[in-house]
Amino acid sequence: MREAQGGDALTSVVQSNLGPLRSVLIKRIGNEDDALDLLQDAFLRCAELGPDATIDNPRGYVWRLAMNLVVDYHRSRNRQQRLFCQDDAALGAALALHADPEEITASLRYLGSFRRAVAALPPDARRAYLLSRREGLTYEEIAREMGVSSNMVKKHIKRAIAVLRTRCES
């Protein structure tokens, strides 16, 4: 087993595994921009290790670091989605504590238009989106629930997000 001394040695391991790391992160995240951000985070974390750091398996360390960043990314998104999917009353109460009446009205209007946009989604896209965002299910769990492949679930959710983004921006 090869041993690495310090952050510089680890950054060279990241650089030598850049292509495979990039591909895996994009596949696991589903969004190239976010995946590249995670890759940059992994690179920076390796570079920040002091010269005294000794890693017994540098390649394994770099890959584990990248996969841990993927887990953190998904946890963060799930937390944000749970907050986003609160019911109207809870949202209204939270807004009342921190916003002026105009902001509350604007937020409630946006929420109403968002809910109408979700209701107008094609049935499969709506179901996949809600199972993902409201119930917090993984693509594999949604695929089993809907009786389709996880790739089809990804397509449904991508379609739903694109439609929602377009409708809510206008």
C-alpha atoms as a PDB file:
ATOM      1  CA  MET A   1       0.000   0.000   0.000  1.00  0.00           C
ATOM      2  CA  ARG A   2       1.302   3.449  -0.926  1.00  0.00           C
ATOM      3  CA  GLU A   3       1.535   6.075   1.788  1.00  0.00           C
ATOM      4  CA  ALA A   4       1.063   9.819   1.247  1.00  0.00           C
ATOM      5  CA  GLN A   5       2.684  12.588   3.238  1.00  0.00           C
ATOM      6  CA  GLY A   6       0.688  15.797   3.569  1.00  0.00           C
ATOM      7  CA  GLY A   7      -1.844  17.660   1.502  1.00  0.00           C
ATOM      8  CA  ASP A   8       0.337  18.072  -1.598  1.00  0.00           C
ATOM      9  CA  ALA A   9       0.577  14.319  -2.059  1.00  0.00           C
ATOM     10  CA  LEU A  10      -3.193  13.986  -1.723  1.00  0.00           C
ATOM     11  CA  THR A  11      -3.889  16.745  -4.239  1.00  0.00           C
ATOM     12  CA  SER A  12      -1.759  14.843  -6.734  1.00  0.00           C
ATOM     13  CA  VAL A  13      -3.925  11.764  -6.057  1.00  0.00           C
ATOM     14  CA  VAL A  14      -7.024  13.885  -6.719  1.00  0.00           C
ATOM     15  CA  GLN A  15      -5.489  15.165  -9.955  1.00  0.00           C
ATOM     16  CA  SER A  16      -4.573  11.665 -11.138  1.00  0.00           C
ATOM     17  CA  ASN A  17      -8.150  10.471 -10.423  1.00  0.00           C
ATOM     18  CA  LEU A  18      -9.863  13.595 -11.742  1.00  0.00           C
ATOM     19  CA  GLY A  19     -11.703  11.968 -14.663  1.00  0.00           C
ATOM     20  CA  PRO A  20     -13.150   9.014 -12.730  1.00  0.00           C
ATOM     21  CA  LEU A  21     -13.990  11.180  -9.692  1.00  0.00           C
ATOM     22  CA  ARG A  22     -15.762  13.699 -11.917  1.00  0.00           C
ATOM     23  CA  SER A  23     -17.797  10.978 -13.645  1.00  0.00           C
ATOM     24  CA  VAL A  24     -18.849   9.294 -10.417  1.00  0.00           C
ATOM     25  CA  LEU A  25     -19.777  12.572  -8.728  1.00  0.00           C
ATOM     26  CA  ILE A  26     -21.877  13.682 -11.692  1.00  0.00           C
ATOM     27  CA  LYS A  27     -23.646  10.328 -11.701  1.00  0.00           C
ATOM     28  CA  ARG A  28     -24.289  10.407  -7.932  1.00  0.00           C
ATOM     29  CA  ILE A  29     -25.347  14.058  -7.800  1.00  0.00           C
ATOM     30  CA  GLY A  30     -27.191  14.281 -11.119  1.00  0.00           C
ATOM     31  CA  ASN A  31     -26.025  17.853 -11.642  1.00  0.00           C
ATOM     32  CA  GLU A  32     -22.660  18.625 -13.206  1.00  0.00           C
ATOM     33  CA  ASP A  33     -22.244  22.044 -11.579  1.00  0.00           C
ATOM     34  CA  ASP A  34     -22.862  20.728  -8.066  1.00  0.00           C
ATOM     35  CA  ALA A  35     -20.666  17.684  -8.738  1.00  0.00           C
ATOM     36  CA  LEU A  36     -17.797  19.922  -9.840  1.00  0.00           C
ATOM     37  CA  ASP A  37     -18.269  22.013  -6.687  1.00  0.00           C
ATOM     38  CA  LEU A  38     -17.920  18.845  -4.603  1.00  0.00           C
ATOM     39  CA  LEU A  39     -14.815  17.875  -6.552  1.00  0.00           C
ATOM     40  CA  GLN A  40     -13.334  21.273  -5.814  1.00  0.00           C
ATOM     41  CA  ASP A  41     -14.230  20.852  -2.120  1.00  0.00           C
ATOM     42  CA  ALA A  42     -12.451  17.488  -2.069  1.00  0.00           C
ATOM     43  CA  PHE A  43      -9.391  19.040  -3.702  1.00  0.00           C
ATOM     44  CA  LEU A  44      -9.350  21.921  -1.202  1.00  0.00           C
ATOM     45  CA  ARG A  45      -9.769  19.633   1.804  1.00  0.00           C
ATOM     46  CA  CYS A  46      -6.829  17.555   0.628  1.00  0.00           C
ATOM     47  CA  ALA A  47      -4.734  20.672   0.008  1.00  0.00           C
ATOM     48  CA  GLU A  48      -5.551  21.983   3.499  1.00  0.00           C
ATOM     49  CA  LEU A  49      -4.022  18.963   5.228  1.00  0.00           C
ATOM     50  CA  GLY A  50      -0.733  19.913   6.769  1.00  0.00           C
ATOM     51  CA  PRO A  51       2.619  18.487   5.697  1.00  0.00           C
ATOM     52  CA  ASP A  52       2.652  16.220   8.765  1.00  0.00           C
ATOM     53  CA  ALA A  53      -0.523  14.366   7.760  1.00  0.00           C
ATOM     54  CA  THR A  54       0.160  10.740   6.863  1.00  0.00           C
ATOM     55  CA  ILE A  55      -2.444   8.782   4.913  1.00  0.00           C
ATOM     56  CA  ASP A  56      -1.908   5.035   4.542  1.00  0.00           C
ATOM     57  CA  ASN A  57      -4.153   4.668   1.495  1.00  0.00           C
ATOM     58  CA  PRO A  58      -4.258   8.032  -0.310  1.00  0.00           C
ATOM     59  CA  ARG A  59      -6.446   6.862  -3.201  1.00  0.00           C
ATOM     60  CA  GLY A  60      -8.934   5.285  -0.791  1.00  0.00           C
ATOM     61  CA  TYR A  61      -8.890   8.419   1.358  1.00  0.00           C
ATOM     62  CA  VAL A  62      -9.660  10.669  -1.614  1.00  0.00           C
ATOM     63  CA  TRP A  63     -12.504   8.450  -2.831  1.00  0.00           C
ATOM     64  CA  ARG A  64     -13.994   8.129   0.676  1.00  0.00           C
ATOM     65  CA  LEU A  65     -13.770  11.903   1.083  1.00  0.00           C
ATOM     66  CA  ALA A  66     -15.602  12.409  -2.218  1.00  0.00           C
ATOM     67  CA  MET A  67     -18.335   9.910  -1.293  1.00  0.00           C
ATOM     68  CA  ASN A  68     -18.762  11.530   2.124  1.00  0.00           C
ATOM     69  CA  LEU A  69     -19.227  14.872   0.366  1.00  0.00           C
ATOM     70  CA  VAL A  70     -21.961  13.253  -1.770  1.00  0.00           C
ATOM     71  CA  VAL A  71     -23.722  12.017   1.378  1.00  0.00           C
ATOM     72  CA  ASP A  72     -23.458  15.479   2.954  1.00  0.00           C
ATOM     73  CA  TYR A  73     -24.825  17.048  -0.246  1.00  0.00           C
ATOM     74  CA  HIS A  74     -27.891  14.777  -0.265  1.00  0.00           C
ATOM     75  CA  ARG A  75     -28.508  15.276   3.464  1.00  0.00           C
ATOM     76  CA  SER A  76     -28.403  19.024   2.983  1.00  0.00           C
ATOM     77  CA  ARG A  77     -30.812  18.882   0.041  1.00  0.00           C
ATOM     78  CA  ASN A  78     -33.207  16.627   1.959  1.00  0.00           C
ATOM     79  CA  ARG A  79     -33.162  19.046   4.898  1.00  0.00           C
ATOM     80  CA  GLN A  80     -33.887  21.975   2.576  1.00  0.00           C
ATOM     81  CA  GLN A  81     -36.704  20.064   0.881  1.00  0.00           C
ATOM     82  CA  ARG A  82     -38.338  19.171   4.189  1.00  0.00           C
ATOM     83  CA  LEU A  83     -38.309  22.829   5.157  1.00  0.00           C
ATOM     84  CA  PHE A  84     -39.658  23.783   1.730  1.00  0.00           C
ATOM     85  CA  CYS A  85     -42.561  21.340   1.937  1.00  0.00           C
ATOM     86  CA  GLN A  86     -44.040  22.660   5.169  1.00  0.00           C
ATOM     87  CA  ASP A  87     -47.793  23.166   5.178  1.00  0.00           C
ATOM     88  CA  ASP A  88     -49.278  26.642   4.668  1.00  0.00           C
ATOM     89  CA  ALA A  89     -50.022  27.241   8.341  1.00  0.00           C
ATOM     90  CA  ALA A  90     -46.495  26.422   9.498  1.00  0.00           C
ATOM     91  CA  LEU A  91     -45.021  28.517   6.706  1.00  0.00           C
ATOM     92  CA  GLY A  92     -47.286  31.406   7.555  1.00  0.00           C
ATOM     93  CA  ALA A  93     -46.352  31.204  11.236  1.00  0.00           C
ATOM     94  CA  ALA A  94     -42.644  31.104  10.435  1.00  0.00           C
ATOM     95  CA  LEU A  95     -42.932  34.047   8.069  1.00  0.00           C
ATOM     96  CA  ALA A  96     -44.940  36.055  10.592  1.00  0.00           C
ATOM     97  CA  LEU A  97     -42.044  35.861  13.025  1.00  0.00           C
ATOM     98  CA  HIS A  98     -39.439  37.122  10.553  1.00  0.00           C
ATOM     99  CA  ALA A  99     -41.064  39.165   7.816  1.00  0.00           C
ATOM    100  CA  ASP A 100     -43.202  42.159   7.162  1.00  0.00           C
ATOM    101  CA  PRO A 101     -46.759  41.707   5.837  1.00  0.00           C
ATOM    102  CA  GLU A 102     -45.747  42.389   2.211  1.00  0.00           C
ATOM    103  CA  GLU A 103     -43.105  39.656   2.337  1.00  0.00           C
ATOM    104  CA  ILE A 104     -45.606  37.234   3.878  1.00  0.00           C
ATOM    105  CA  THR A 105     -48.170  38.014   1.176  1.00  0.00           C
ATOM    106  CA  ALA A 106     -45.591  37.610  -1.584  1.00  0.00           C
ATOM    107  CA  SER A 107     -44.374  34.307  -0.123  1.00  0.00           C
ATOM    108  CA  LEU A 108     -47.893  32.940   0.237  1.00  0.00           C
ATOM    109  CA  ARG A 109     -48.697  33.967  -3.354  1.00  0.00           C
ATOM    110  CA  TYR A 110     -45.551  32.204  -4.535  1.00  0.00           C
ATOM    111  CA  LEU A 111     -46.462  29.109  -2.526  1.00  0.00           C
ATOM    112  CA  GLY A 112     -49.933  29.122  -4.053  1.00  0.00           C
ATOM    113  CA  SER A 113     -48.569  29.411  -7.589  1.00  0.00           C
ATOM    114  CA  PHE A 114     -46.039  26.702  -6.820  1.00  0.00           C
ATOM    115  CA  ARG A 115     -48.764  24.353  -5.579  1.00  0.00           C
ATOM    116  CA  ARG A 116     -50.854  25.050  -8.692  1.00  0.00           C
ATOM    117  CA  ALA A 117     -47.811  24.342 -10.857  1.00  0.00           C
ATOM    118  CA  VAL A 118     -47.226  21.033  -9.035  1.00  0.00           C
ATOM    119  CA  ALA A 119     -50.889  20.108  -9.490  1.00  0.00           C
ATOM    120  CA  ALA A 120     -50.593  20.832 -13.236  1.00  0.00           C
ATOM    121  CA  LEU A 121     -47.599  18.501 -13.728  1.00  0.00           C
ATOM    122  CA  PRO A 122     -48.090  15.314 -15.752  1.00  0.00           C
ATOM    123  CA  PRO A 123     -49.237  12.581 -13.327  1.00  0.00           C
ATOM    124  CA  ASP A 124     -46.037  10.488 -13.343  1.00  0.00           C
ATOM    125  CA  ALA A 125     -43.772  13.531 -13.047  1.00  0.00           C
ATOM    126  CA  ARG A 126     -45.909  14.907 -10.191  1.00  0.00           C
ATOM    127  CA  ARG A 127     -45.924  11.592  -8.340  1.00  0.00           C
ATOM    128  CA  ALA A 128     -42.159  11.084  -8.689  1.00  0.00           C
ATOM    129  CA  TYR A 129     -41.467  14.687  -7.664  1.00  0.00           C
ATOM    130  CA  LEU A 130     -43.694  14.525  -4.580  1.00  0.00           C
ATOM    131  CA  LEU A 131     -42.340  11.138  -3.494  1.00  0.00           C
ATOM    132  CA  SER A 132     -38.850  12.583  -3.733  1.00  0.00           C
ATOM    133  CA  ARG A 133     -39.447  16.009  -2.205  1.00  0.00           C
ATOM    134  CA  ARG A 134     -42.278  15.445   0.248  1.00  0.00           C
ATOM    135  CA  GLU A 135     -41.643  11.848   1.303  1.00  0.00           C
ATOM    136  CA  GLY A 136     -37.843  11.955   0.976  1.00  0.00           C
ATOM    137  CA  LEU A 137     -37.658   8.670  -0.952  1.00  0.00           C
ATOM    138  CA  THR A 138     -34.584   7.768  -3.001  1.00  0.00           C
ATOM    139  CA  TYR A 139     -34.831   7.267  -6.752  1.00  0.00           C
ATOM    140  CA  GLU A 140     -34.619   3.503  -6.233  1.00  0.00           C
ATOM    141  CA  GLU A 141     -37.469   3.554  -3.699  1.00  0.00           C
ATOM    142  CA  ILE A 142     -39.589   5.696  -6.013  1.00  0.00           C
ATOM    143  CA  ALA A 143     -38.833   3.343  -8.911  1.00  0.00           C
ATOM    144  CA  ARG A 144     -40.097   0.371  -6.886  1.00  0.00           C
ATOM    145  CA  GLU A 145     -43.178   2.315  -5.779  1.00  0.00           C
ATOM    146  CA  MET A 146     -44.012   3.388  -9.334  1.00  0.00           C
ATOM    147  CA  GLY A 147     -42.926   0.178 -11.055  1.00  0.00           C
ATOM    148  CA  VAL A 148     -40.420   1.916 -13.341  1.00  0.00           C
ATOM    149  CA  SER A 149     -36.636   2.135 -13.608  1.00  0.00           C
ATOM    150  CA  SER A 150     -34.649   4.615 -11.542  1.00  0.00           C
ATOM    151  CA  ASN A 151     -33.563   6.266 -14.807  1.00  0.00           C
ATOM    152  CA  MET A 152     -37.232   6.893 -15.612  1.00  0.00           C
ATOM    153  CA  VAL A 153     -37.676   8.382 -12.132  1.00  0.00           C
ATOM    154  CA  LYS A 154     -34.761  10.742 -12.821  1.00  0.00           C
ATOM    155  CA  LYS A 155     -36.378  11.789 -16.101  1.00  0.00           C
ATOM    156  CA  HIS A 156     -39.729  12.408 -14.409  1.00  0.00           C
ATOM    157  CA  ILE A 157     -38.134  14.512 -11.668  1.00  0.00           C
ATOM    158  CA  LYS A 158     -35.967  16.466 -14.123  1.00  0.00           C
ATOM    159  CA  ARG A 159     -39.056  17.185 -16.197  1.00  0.00           C
ATOM    160  CA  ALA A 160     -41.016  18.268 -13.107  1.00  0.00           C
ATOM    161  CA  ILE A 161     -38.242  20.590 -11.960  1.00  0.00           C
ATOM    162  CA  ALA A 162     -37.906  22.144 -15.412  1.00  0.00           C
ATOM    163  CA  VAL A 163     -41.660  22.764 -15.644  1.00  0.00           C
ATOM    164  CA  LEU A 164     -41.852  24.132 -12.091  1.00  0.00           C
ATOM    165  CA  ARG A 165     -38.883  26.406 -12.651  1.00  0.00           C
ATOM    166  CA  THR A 166     -40.452  27.798 -15.832  1.00  0.00           C
ATOM    167  CA  ARG A 167     -43.900  28.287 -14.303  1.00  0.00           C
ATOM    168  CA  CYS A 168     -42.717  29.780 -11.034  1.00  0.00           C
ATOM    169  CA  GLU A 169     -40.268  32.203 -12.664  1.00  0.00           C
ATOM    170  CA  SER A 170     -42.952  33.750 -14.835  1.00  0.00           C
END
